[in-house]
């Protein structure tokens, strides 16, 4: 009798191993079917992506500037924005005055060199 019980246990172990192998085989077959489907649909997908990339327009050149201005305006109050614009205008005025001073100095130096 003990021999029969051992064989019964071995047969249940073998049966469970066979069912596990059958499950793995089914999972592998499903993966293979998915891969084959992906390979067969690849040319159409690549063609669609190519056509879509040809028809889409690139973003405008000033996109980053507009995004930066939008973030700037979102974080500051109206008074702070007014002060910032005033500061930028003053900086621009100083830049223009600096450039005028440099050109006048260069003209003065060239007129002085011509007299020598």
N, C-alpha and C. Protein backbone atom coordinates (compact mmCIF):
# COMPACT_ATOMS: atom_id res chain seq x y z
N UNK A 1 0.78 -1.20 0.00
CA UNK A 1 0.00 0.00 0.00
C UNK A 1 0.83 1.27 0.00
N UNK A 2 1.91 1.31 0.78
CA UNK A 2 2.70 2.53 0.77
C UNK A 2 3.24 2.83 -0.62
N UNK A 3 3.49 1.85 -1.41
CA UNK A 3 3.98 2.10 -2.77
C UNK A 3 2.94 2.81 -3.61
N UNK A 4 1.70 2.46 -3.48
CA UNK A 4 0.64 3.08 -4.26
C UNK A 4 0.47 4.54 -3.88
N UNK A 5 0.62 4.86 -2.62
CA UNK A 5 0.50 6.26 -2.20
C UNK A 5 1.61 7.10 -2.79
N UNK A 6 2.81 6.55 -2.85
CA UNK A 6 3.94 7.27 -3.42
C UNK A 6 3.70 7.55 -4.90
N UNK A 7 3.21 6.56 -5.61
CA UNK A 7 2.94 6.74 -7.03
C UNK A 7 1.84 7.77 -7.24
N UNK A 8 0.87 7.78 -6.34
CA UNK A 8 -0.22 8.74 -6.46
C UNK A 8 0.31 10.16 -6.26
N UNK A 9 1.21 10.33 -5.28
CA UNK A 9 1.79 11.64 -5.03
C UNK A 9 2.63 12.07 -6.22
N UNK A 10 3.42 11.14 -6.75
CA UNK A 10 4.26 11.46 -7.91
C UNK A 10 3.40 11.81 -9.12
N UNK A 11 2.29 11.12 -9.30
CA UNK A 11 1.42 11.41 -10.44
C UNK A 11 0.75 12.78 -10.27
N UNK A 12 0.41 13.15 -9.03
CA UNK A 12 -0.17 14.49 -8.84
C UNK A 12 0.88 15.56 -9.04
N UNK A 13 2.13 15.29 -8.65
CA UNK A 13 3.22 16.25 -8.88
C UNK A 13 3.46 16.40 -10.37
N UNK A 14 3.49 15.30 -11.09
CA UNK A 14 3.70 15.34 -12.53
C UNK A 14 2.54 16.06 -13.21
N UNK A 15 1.34 15.82 -12.76
CA UNK A 15 0.17 16.47 -13.35
C UNK A 15 0.22 17.97 -13.11
N UNK A 16 0.62 18.39 -11.90
CA UNK A 16 0.70 19.82 -11.61
C UNK A 16 1.83 20.47 -12.43
N UNK A 17 2.93 19.74 -12.59
CA UNK A 17 4.03 20.27 -13.43
C UNK A 17 3.59 20.39 -14.88
N UNK A 18 2.83 19.39 -15.35
CA UNK A 18 2.33 19.43 -16.73
C UNK A 18 1.37 20.61 -16.93
N UNK A 19 0.51 20.84 -15.95
CA UNK A 19 -0.42 21.96 -16.08
C UNK A 19 0.32 23.29 -16.04
N UNK A 20 1.38 23.38 -15.21
CA UNK A 20 2.17 24.60 -15.16
C UNK A 20 2.89 24.82 -16.50
N UNK A 21 3.42 23.75 -17.05
CA UNK A 21 4.09 23.86 -18.36
C UNK A 21 3.10 24.24 -19.46
N UNK A 22 1.90 23.68 -19.40
CA UNK A 22 0.87 24.02 -20.39
C UNK A 22 0.50 25.49 -20.27
N UNK A 23 0.41 26.00 -19.04
CA UNK A 23 0.10 27.41 -18.82
C UNK A 23 1.22 28.31 -19.37
N UNK A 24 2.46 27.91 -19.11
CA UNK A 24 3.60 28.68 -19.65
C UNK A 24 3.60 28.66 -21.17
N UNK A 25 3.30 27.49 -21.75
CA UNK A 25 3.26 27.38 -23.20
C UNK A 25 2.18 28.29 -23.79
N UNK A 26 1.02 28.34 -23.12
CA UNK A 26 -0.06 29.21 -23.60
C UNK A 26 0.36 30.68 -23.51
N UNK A 27 1.03 31.05 -22.41
CA UNK A 27 1.48 32.44 -22.25
C UNK A 27 2.51 32.81 -23.32
N UNK A 28 3.42 31.87 -23.61
CA UNK A 28 4.43 32.12 -24.65
C UNK A 28 3.76 32.22 -26.01
N UNK A 29 2.77 31.39 -26.28
CA UNK A 29 2.06 31.45 -27.55
C UNK A 29 1.33 32.79 -27.70
N UNK A 30 0.76 33.29 -26.61
CA UNK A 30 0.09 34.61 -26.66
C UNK A 30 1.09 35.71 -26.95
N UNK A 31 2.25 35.65 -26.31
CA UNK A 31 3.29 36.66 -26.55
C UNK A 31 3.77 36.61 -28.00
N UNK A 32 3.93 35.41 -28.52
CA UNK A 32 4.36 35.26 -29.92
C UNK A 32 3.31 35.85 -30.85
N UNK A 33 2.03 35.60 -30.56
CA UNK A 33 0.96 36.14 -31.40
C UNK A 33 0.96 37.68 -31.35
N UNK A 34 1.18 38.24 -30.15
CA UNK A 34 1.23 39.71 -30.04
C UNK A 34 2.40 40.27 -30.84
N UNK A 35 3.55 39.63 -30.74
CA UNK A 35 4.73 40.09 -31.47
C UNK A 35 4.52 40.01 -32.98
N UNK A 36 3.93 38.90 -33.43
CA UNK A 36 3.66 38.76 -34.87
C UNK A 36 2.68 39.82 -35.35
N UNK A 37 1.67 40.12 -34.53
CA UNK A 37 0.71 41.17 -34.89
C UNK A 37 1.40 42.53 -34.95
N UNK A 38 2.29 42.79 -33.98
CA UNK A 38 3.01 44.06 -33.97
C UNK A 38 3.91 44.18 -35.20
N UNK A 39 4.56 43.08 -35.58
CA UNK A 39 5.45 43.10 -36.75
C UNK A 39 4.64 43.32 -38.02
N UNK A 40 3.48 42.68 -38.11
CA UNK A 40 2.68 42.81 -39.33
C UNK A 40 2.08 44.21 -39.46
N UNK A 41 1.80 44.88 -38.33
CA UNK A 41 1.21 46.22 -38.41
C UNK A 41 2.28 47.32 -38.41
N UNK A 42 3.54 46.98 -38.29
CA UNK A 42 4.61 47.99 -38.21
C UNK A 42 4.70 48.88 -39.45
N UNK A 43 4.67 48.35 -40.67
CA UNK A 43 4.78 49.26 -41.83
C UNK A 43 3.67 50.30 -41.89
N UNK A 44 2.44 49.90 -41.59
CA UNK A 44 1.33 50.86 -41.58
C UNK A 44 1.53 51.92 -40.50
N UNK A 45 1.95 51.49 -39.32
CA UNK A 45 2.17 52.42 -38.22
C UNK A 45 3.29 53.40 -38.56
N UNK A 46 4.38 52.89 -39.12
CA UNK A 46 5.51 53.76 -39.49
C UNK A 46 5.07 54.75 -40.56
N UNK A 47 4.30 54.30 -41.54
CA UNK A 47 3.82 55.19 -42.60
C UNK A 47 2.92 56.27 -42.02
N UNK A 48 2.01 55.89 -41.11
CA UNK A 48 1.12 56.86 -40.47
C UNK A 48 1.91 57.90 -39.67
N UNK A 49 2.91 57.44 -38.91
CA UNK A 49 3.72 58.37 -38.13
C UNK A 49 4.50 59.31 -39.03
N UNK A 50 5.00 58.81 -40.15
CA UNK A 50 5.74 59.66 -41.08
C UNK A 50 4.83 60.72 -41.68
N UNK A 51 3.64 60.31 -42.11
CA UNK A 51 2.69 61.27 -42.68
C UNK A 51 2.28 62.31 -41.65
N UNK A 52 2.07 61.88 -40.42
CA UNK A 52 1.68 62.81 -39.37
C UNK A 52 2.80 63.81 -39.09
N UNK A 53 4.03 63.34 -39.07
CA UNK A 53 5.15 64.25 -38.81
C UNK A 53 5.33 65.24 -39.97
N UNK A 54 4.99 64.83 -41.18
CA UNK A 54 5.10 65.74 -42.32
C UNK A 54 4.03 66.81 -42.30
N UNK A 55 2.85 66.48 -41.77
CA UNK A 55 1.75 67.43 -41.81
C UNK A 55 1.72 68.37 -40.61
N UNK A 56 2.40 68.00 -39.52
CA UNK A 56 2.40 68.86 -38.34
C UNK A 56 3.36 70.03 -38.53
N UNK A 57 2.94 71.18 -38.08
CA UNK A 57 3.80 72.36 -38.15
C UNK A 57 4.66 72.42 -36.89
N UNK A 58 5.90 72.85 -37.02
CA UNK A 58 6.73 72.99 -35.83
C UNK A 58 6.24 74.17 -34.98
N UNK A 59 6.59 74.19 -33.71
CA UNK A 59 6.16 75.31 -32.87
C UNK A 59 6.81 76.60 -33.34
N UNK A 60 6.17 77.73 -33.09
CA UNK A 60 6.74 79.00 -33.52
C UNK A 60 8.07 79.28 -32.82
N UNK A 61 8.90 80.14 -33.45
CA UNK A 61 10.22 80.43 -32.93
C UNK A 61 10.18 81.15 -31.58
N UNK A 62 9.15 81.95 -31.37
CA UNK A 62 9.09 82.72 -30.13
C UNK A 62 8.31 82.01 -29.03
N UNK A 63 8.13 80.73 -29.15
CA UNK A 63 7.37 79.95 -28.18
C UNK A 63 7.97 80.07 -26.78
N UNK A 64 9.28 79.93 -26.67
CA UNK A 64 9.93 80.00 -25.37
C UNK A 64 9.77 81.39 -24.74
N UNK A 65 9.89 82.42 -25.57
CA UNK A 65 9.73 83.79 -25.06
C UNK A 65 8.32 84.01 -24.52
N UNK A 66 7.33 83.52 -25.26
CA UNK A 66 5.95 83.69 -24.81
C UNK A 66 5.68 82.92 -23.53
N UNK A 67 6.24 81.71 -23.43
CA UNK A 67 6.06 80.93 -22.21
C UNK A 67 6.73 81.60 -21.01
N UNK A 68 7.92 82.15 -21.22
CA UNK A 68 8.62 82.85 -20.14
C UNK A 68 7.83 84.08 -19.70
N UNK A 69 7.29 84.84 -20.65
CA UNK A 69 6.49 86.02 -20.32
C UNK A 69 5.22 85.61 -19.57
N UNK A 70 4.61 84.51 -19.98
CA UNK A 70 3.40 84.04 -19.32
C UNK A 70 3.70 83.64 -17.87
N UNK A 71 4.81 82.92 -17.65
CA UNK A 71 5.20 82.56 -16.28
C UNK A 71 5.51 83.81 -15.46
N UNK A 72 6.19 84.77 -16.08
CA UNK A 72 6.55 86.01 -15.41
C UNK A 72 5.29 86.75 -14.96
N UNK A 73 4.33 86.88 -15.86
CA UNK A 73 3.10 87.60 -15.54
C UNK A 73 2.25 86.85 -14.53
N UNK A 74 2.32 85.54 -14.52
CA UNK A 74 1.51 84.76 -13.59
C UNK A 74 2.01 84.90 -12.16
N UNK A 75 3.30 85.12 -11.96
CA UNK A 75 3.86 85.16 -10.62
C UNK A 75 3.90 86.55 -9.99
N UNK A 76 3.76 87.59 -10.77
CA UNK A 76 3.90 88.93 -10.23
C UNK A 76 2.57 89.67 -10.23
N UNK A 77 2.47 90.64 -9.35
CA UNK A 77 1.27 91.47 -9.31
C UNK A 77 1.41 92.58 -10.36
N UNK A 78 0.32 93.33 -10.56
CA UNK A 78 0.36 94.40 -11.56
C UNK A 78 1.38 95.47 -11.20
N UNK A 79 1.48 95.82 -9.93
CA UNK A 79 2.45 96.83 -9.51
C UNK A 79 3.88 96.36 -9.75
N UNK A 80 4.13 95.11 -9.46
CA UNK A 80 5.47 94.58 -9.70
C UNK A 80 5.81 94.56 -11.19
N UNK A 81 4.83 94.25 -12.00
CA UNK A 81 5.05 94.24 -13.45
C UNK A 81 5.34 95.67 -13.93
N UNK A 82 4.58 96.64 -13.42
CA UNK A 82 4.80 98.04 -13.80
C UNK A 82 6.21 98.48 -13.41
N UNK A 83 6.63 98.13 -12.20
CA UNK A 83 7.98 98.46 -11.77
C UNK A 83 9.04 97.80 -12.64
N UNK A 84 8.80 96.55 -13.02
CA UNK A 84 9.76 95.85 -13.89
C UNK A 84 9.86 96.52 -15.25
N UNK A 85 8.73 96.92 -15.84
CA UNK A 85 8.76 97.61 -17.13
C UNK A 85 9.50 98.94 -17.00
N UNK A 86 9.26 99.66 -15.91
CA UNK A 86 9.95 100.93 -15.68
C UNK A 86 11.46 100.71 -15.59
N UNK A 87 11.85 99.66 -14.87
CA UNK A 87 13.28 99.34 -14.72
C UNK A 87 13.89 98.98 -16.08
N UNK A 88 13.16 98.21 -16.88
CA UNK A 88 13.68 97.85 -18.20
C UNK A 88 13.81 99.07 -19.09
N UNK A 89 12.84 100.00 -19.03
CA UNK A 89 12.91 101.22 -19.83
C UNK A 89 14.11 102.07 -19.40
N UNK A 90 14.35 102.17 -18.09
CA UNK A 90 15.49 102.94 -17.60
C UNK A 90 16.80 102.29 -18.06
N UNK A 91 16.86 100.95 -18.02
CA UNK A 91 18.06 100.25 -18.47
C UNK A 91 18.29 100.48 -19.96
N UNK A 92 17.23 100.51 -20.74
CA UNK A 92 17.35 100.76 -22.17
C UNK A 92 17.87 102.17 -22.42
N UNK A 93 17.35 103.12 -21.66
CA UNK A 93 17.81 104.50 -21.80
C UNK A 93 19.30 104.60 -21.46
N UNK A 94 19.71 103.97 -20.38
CA UNK A 94 21.13 103.99 -20.02
C UNK A 94 22.00 103.33 -21.08
N UNK A 95 21.51 102.26 -21.70
CA UNK A 95 22.26 101.60 -22.77
C UNK A 95 22.42 102.54 -23.96
N UNK A 96 21.36 103.24 -24.32
CA UNK A 96 21.43 104.18 -25.44
C UNK A 96 22.42 105.31 -25.13
N UNK A 97 22.36 105.85 -23.91
CA UNK A 97 23.29 106.91 -23.52
C UNK A 97 24.73 106.41 -23.53
N UNK A 98 24.96 105.19 -23.09
CA UNK A 98 26.30 104.61 -23.11
C UNK A 98 26.81 104.47 -24.53
N UNK A 99 25.96 103.99 -25.43
CA UNK A 99 26.38 103.85 -26.83
C UNK A 99 26.68 105.22 -27.45
N UNK A 100 25.86 106.24 -27.13
CA UNK A 100 26.13 107.59 -27.64
C UNK A 100 27.45 108.13 -27.10
N UNK A 101 27.74 107.89 -25.84
CA UNK A 101 29.01 108.35 -25.26
C UNK A 101 30.19 107.65 -25.93
N UNK A 102 30.07 106.36 -26.18
CA UNK A 102 31.17 105.63 -26.83
C UNK A 102 31.39 106.16 -28.24
N UNK A 103 30.32 106.38 -29.00
CA UNK A 103 30.50 106.89 -30.36
C UNK A 103 31.08 108.30 -30.35
N UNK A 104 30.65 109.15 -29.41
CA UNK A 104 31.19 110.50 -29.37
C UNK A 104 32.67 110.48 -28.99
N UNK A 105 33.07 109.59 -28.08
CA UNK A 105 34.49 109.46 -27.74
C UNK A 105 35.30 108.96 -28.93
N UNK A 106 34.77 107.99 -29.63
CA UNK A 106 35.48 107.50 -30.82
C UNK A 106 35.62 108.59 -31.88
N UNK A 107 34.58 109.39 -32.08
CA UNK A 107 34.66 110.48 -33.06
C UNK A 107 35.67 111.53 -32.59
N UNK A 108 35.71 111.85 -31.31
CA UNK A 108 36.66 112.81 -30.77
C UNK A 108 38.09 112.31 -30.94
N UNK A 109 38.31 111.01 -30.68
CA UNK A 109 39.65 110.44 -30.84
C UNK A 109 40.08 110.47 -32.29
N UNK A 110 39.16 110.10 -33.20
CA UNK A 110 39.54 110.12 -34.63
C UNK A 110 39.82 111.54 -35.11
N UNK A 111 39.08 112.54 -34.64
CA UNK A 111 39.35 113.92 -35.07
C UNK A 111 40.68 114.38 -34.47
N UNK A 112 41.01 113.95 -33.27
CA UNK A 112 42.28 114.32 -32.65
C UNK A 112 43.46 113.67 -33.39
N UNK A 113 43.28 112.44 -33.83
CA UNK A 113 44.35 111.71 -34.56
C UNK A 113 44.54 112.34 -35.94
N UNK A 114 43.50 112.81 -36.57
CA UNK A 114 43.61 113.44 -37.90
C UNK A 114 44.41 114.74 -37.80
N UNK A 115 44.27 115.49 -36.72
CA UNK A 115 44.98 116.75 -36.57
C UNK A 115 46.49 116.53 -36.40
N UNK A 116 46.91 115.40 -35.92
CA UNK A 116 48.35 115.15 -35.72
C UNK A 116 48.95 114.91 -37.03
